[in-house]
Every structure is written in C-alpha cells, then in structure tokens.
Amino acid sequence: MQTDGNFEEGSYLKKRDLNIKHRGTTADIPPPTAKQVRESHKAKEFSSCPYSELRVGSALLTEDGQIFSGCNVENACFYLSLCAERTAINKAVSEGHRKLKAIAVSSDLEDRVIPPCGACRQVIREFGDIPVFMTKVDGSYTMMTLEELLPLSWGAEYLRKQEMDSPKRN
C-alpha cells in the first residue's frame, strides 16, 4: 500500500478522510492513466441524473491499453439506476475485455472525491484488485486499491470451494 504520511499501512479510511486527503494530481499519473482520468470527466457530460443531479463519469483502462468510459443513468425506480463504473465495465466486457488495469471515477463535487458505491466495488472485484482513481474537478485524486475499498470481500472462489467441498444434493 502506498503511503504519503496521511495514510498509514493497513489503516481504514473514514469517509471524511476521502473528502480532504488527495495523493496528487493527474500530472503525477503516467500517460495512459492521465488520459483515463480526463475521459472519466468527459463521460460526465452524458450522465442522465434527473433525481440526484449528481453527474458521475468513469473510465476503465484495460490490460491492452483501451479505455472504456461510462456515466451514471438514473431511473425513477432508483434500484434500476446504473452507476458510471458499472456502465464502463459492462461496455468493456461486452467488447470482449476481461483483464482490467485501473478505473477512474469523477463527479462534479468540488470539495471531495466520490468513491464507488458498494455494488460497483463488488463488480470491480470480479476483475481483480485494480487501482481506483477517485478524482476531483481540479484533477486532484485519491488512489486506492480495490482491496483497500472493499476489504474481506466475497468472490467466486468461495462459491467454487463450497461447490467442491459440499456433498452432492439429490
């Protein structure tokens, strides 16, 4: 885990910490990821958020260097809404990509970064412990791994193990 004096090894961040601590700006990110962060901000332009009025964009970097962006799409039945992160992931997967390298998330909030919701964290988890760049309008960001955002997570390996260990049912 990367530390910068504000984040201690193995510590859990409280929600308020995400609002005030940032690890850098997009100038600090290697080129493909800097482009990815810019693409996440551009994706906000397509958001459909008539209920929350919170535009969110995301850009997913695949292992082969392609970037897939997505925005949030809200529905009056809020349960049916789709977050920007899941939109980007679904686009990449539907195009045949399964190896993800990093994901960037952005919103219009000026005073803090926006982390992926629990459902998005679980979906990201299906594809590995990748870096998550949570960015602000000014380009500053907080980077955390998925393991930091979703410790002790549940995954397919638990289902496979149980399937192998449990007796067959009639």
Protein backbone atom coordinates (compact mmCIF):
# COMPACT_ATOMS: atom_id res chain seq x y z
CA MET A 1 0.00 0.00 0.00
CA GLN A 2 1.33 3.41 -0.93
CA THR A 3 1.73 5.80 1.97
CA ASP A 4 2.12 9.56 1.94
CA GLY A 5 2.13 10.44 5.63
CA ASN A 6 -1.65 10.80 5.76
CA PHE A 7 -2.40 7.15 5.09
CA GLU A 8 -0.91 4.51 7.34
CA GLU A 9 -0.21 0.95 6.27
CA GLY A 10 -3.23 -1.24 7.00
CA SER A 11 -5.42 1.59 8.28
CA TYR A 12 -9.03 2.00 7.26
CA LEU A 13 -10.06 5.38 5.95
CA LYS A 14 -13.14 7.05 7.31
CA LYS A 15 -15.48 8.71 4.86
CA ARG A 16 -14.31 12.15 5.98
CA ASP A 17 -10.71 11.22 5.08
CA LEU A 18 -11.69 10.77 1.45
CA ASN A 19 -13.06 14.30 1.47
CA ILE A 20 -9.83 16.01 2.44
CA LYS A 21 -6.80 13.88 1.52
CA HIS A 22 -5.56 13.54 -2.02
CA ARG A 23 -2.49 11.74 -3.26
CA GLY A 24 -1.71 14.00 -6.21
CA THR A 25 -2.89 15.48 -9.47
CA THR A 26 -3.28 13.98 -12.92
CA ALA A 27 0.19 15.38 -13.73
CA ASP A 28 1.56 12.69 -11.38
CA ILE A 29 -0.14 9.83 -13.25
CA PRO A 30 1.58 8.01 -16.13
CA PRO A 31 0.15 8.96 -19.57
CA PRO A 32 -2.43 6.20 -20.19
CA THR A 33 -3.97 6.79 -16.79
CA ALA A 34 -3.90 10.60 -17.17
CA LYS A 35 -5.92 10.13 -20.36
CA GLN A 36 -8.19 7.78 -18.47
CA VAL A 37 -8.85 10.41 -15.78
CA ARG A 38 -9.64 13.01 -18.46
CA GLU A 39 -12.00 10.53 -20.15
CA SER A 40 -13.84 9.95 -16.85
CA HIS A 41 -14.50 13.69 -16.62
CA LYS A 42 -15.67 13.83 -20.26
CA ALA A 43 -18.05 10.92 -19.62
CA LYS A 44 -19.98 13.02 -17.07
CA GLU A 45 -21.33 15.07 -19.97
CA PHE A 46 -23.58 12.16 -20.95
CA SER A 47 -24.99 11.50 -17.45
CA SER A 48 -28.72 11.17 -17.01
CA CYS A 49 -29.28 12.18 -13.41
CA PRO A 50 -32.63 13.99 -13.07
CA TYR A 51 -33.15 12.80 -9.48
CA SER A 52 -29.80 13.22 -7.72
CA GLU A 53 -28.45 15.87 -10.11
CA LEU A 54 -25.02 14.36 -9.43
CA ARG A 55 -23.16 13.67 -12.66
CA VAL A 56 -20.66 10.82 -12.38
CA GLY A 57 -18.24 9.60 -15.03
CA SER A 58 -15.89 6.66 -15.12
CA ALA A 59 -13.17 5.42 -17.42
CA LEU A 60 -11.79 1.91 -17.34
CA LEU A 61 -8.31 1.05 -18.59
CA THR A 62 -7.95 -2.49 -19.94
CA GLU A 63 -4.77 -4.53 -19.86
CA ASP A 64 -4.21 -3.87 -23.58
CA GLY A 65 -4.46 -0.09 -23.12
CA GLN A 66 -8.01 0.54 -24.31
CA ILE A 67 -10.23 2.94 -22.39
CA PHE A 68 -13.96 2.42 -21.94
CA SER A 69 -15.96 5.25 -20.39
CA GLY A 70 -19.37 5.32 -18.78
CA CYS A 71 -21.75 7.64 -16.98
CA ASN A 72 -24.50 7.23 -14.43
CA VAL A 73 -28.01 6.63 -15.75
CA GLU A 74 -30.75 7.17 -13.17
CA ASN A 75 -34.26 5.74 -13.17
CA ALA A 76 -37.34 6.83 -11.20
CA CYS A 77 -37.16 3.37 -9.66
CA PHE A 78 -33.74 4.14 -8.20
CA TYR A 79 -32.90 0.46 -7.80
CA LEU A 80 -32.79 0.22 -11.60
CA SER A 81 -30.27 3.05 -11.96
CA LEU A 82 -26.82 2.23 -13.27
CA CYS A 83 -23.61 3.75 -11.91
CA ALA A 84 -20.85 5.08 -14.16
CA GLU A 85 -18.38 2.41 -13.05
CA ARG A 86 -20.69 -0.46 -13.95
CA THR A 87 -21.56 1.20 -17.25
CA ALA A 88 -17.85 1.36 -18.18
CA ILE A 89 -17.23 -2.22 -17.04
CA ASN A 90 -20.25 -3.55 -18.95
CA LYS A 91 -19.08 -1.77 -22.10
CA ALA A 92 -15.60 -3.27 -21.81
CA VAL A 93 -16.85 -6.79 -21.06
CA SER A 94 -19.40 -6.64 -23.88
CA GLU A 95 -16.49 -5.83 -26.22
CA GLY A 96 -14.57 -8.91 -25.05
CA HIS A 97 -12.28 -7.40 -22.39
CA ARG A 98 -11.83 -9.25 -19.10
CA LYS A 99 -8.39 -8.03 -17.97
CA LEU A 100 -8.77 -4.64 -16.32
CA LYS A 101 -5.85 -2.46 -15.27
CA ALA A 102 -7.38 0.57 -13.48
CA ILE A 103 -10.60 2.56 -13.15
CA ALA A 104 -11.12 6.30 -12.67
CA VAL A 105 -14.24 7.87 -11.19
CA SER A 106 -15.19 11.55 -11.32
CA SER A 107 -18.07 13.80 -10.33
CA ASP A 108 -18.88 17.48 -10.20
CA LEU A 109 -18.22 17.66 -6.46
CA GLU A 110 -15.54 20.28 -5.93
CA ASP A 111 -14.76 19.67 -2.28
CA ARG A 112 -14.25 15.91 -2.31
CA VAL A 113 -13.74 12.80 -4.37
CA ILE A 114 -16.52 10.31 -4.94
CA PRO A 115 -15.79 6.64 -4.22
CA PRO A 116 -17.53 3.76 -5.99
CA CYS A 117 -20.67 2.52 -4.24
CA GLY A 118 -20.72 -0.93 -2.65
CA ALA A 119 -22.34 -2.57 -5.69
CA CYS A 120 -19.69 -1.10 -8.01
CA ARG A 121 -16.92 -2.22 -5.66
CA GLN A 122 -18.26 -5.76 -5.81
CA VAL A 123 -18.49 -5.70 -9.62
CA ILE A 124 -14.94 -4.31 -9.90
CA ARG A 125 -13.81 -7.09 -7.56
CA GLU A 126 -14.82 -9.69 -10.15
CA PHE A 127 -11.93 -8.42 -12.29
CA GLY A 128 -9.16 -8.10 -9.71
CA ASP A 129 -7.59 -5.81 -7.15
CA ILE A 130 -7.09 -2.87 -9.50
CA PRO A 131 -6.25 0.75 -8.64
CA VAL A 132 -9.28 3.03 -8.29
CA PHE A 133 -8.58 6.71 -9.03
CA MET A 134 -11.22 8.91 -7.39
CA THR A 135 -10.80 12.33 -8.96
CA LYS A 136 -11.96 15.86 -8.26
CA VAL A 137 -12.89 18.55 -10.78
CA ASP A 138 -9.47 20.21 -10.38
CA GLY A 139 -7.65 16.99 -11.34
CA SER A 140 -6.52 16.01 -7.86
CA TYR A 141 -7.22 12.44 -6.93
CA THR A 142 -7.13 9.75 -4.30
CA MET A 143 -5.91 6.34 -5.42
CA MET A 144 -6.84 3.24 -3.51
CA THR A 145 -6.76 -0.40 -4.46
CA LEU A 146 -9.99 -2.31 -4.52
CA GLU A 147 -8.75 -4.33 -1.53
CA GLU A 148 -8.49 -1.07 0.43
CA LEU A 149 -12.01 -0.05 -0.62
CA LEU A 150 -13.57 -3.48 -0.12
CA PRO A 151 -11.57 -5.46 2.45
CA LEU A 152 -12.50 -9.08 3.17
CA SER A 153 -14.64 -9.18 0.05
CA TRP A 154 -16.72 -12.06 -1.24
CA GLY A 155 -15.87 -13.60 -4.58
CA ALA A 156 -16.34 -16.55 -6.89
CA GLU A 157 -13.54 -18.50 -5.25
CA TYR A 158 -15.81 -19.04 -2.23
CA LEU A 159 -18.54 -20.49 -4.42
CA ARG A 160 -16.16 -22.86 -6.17
CA LYS A 161 -14.67 -24.04 -2.89
CA GLN A 162 -18.07 -24.71 -1.35
CA GLU A 163 -19.17 -26.49 -4.50
CA MET A 164 -16.14 -28.80 -4.28
CA ASP A 165 -16.39 -29.36 -0.53
CA SER A 166 -20.14 -29.88 -0.12
CA PRO A 167 -21.84 -33.25 -0.57
CA LYS A 168 -23.97 -33.63 -3.68
CA ARG A 169 -27.67 -32.96 -3.16
CA ASN A 170 -30.40 -35.07 -4.72
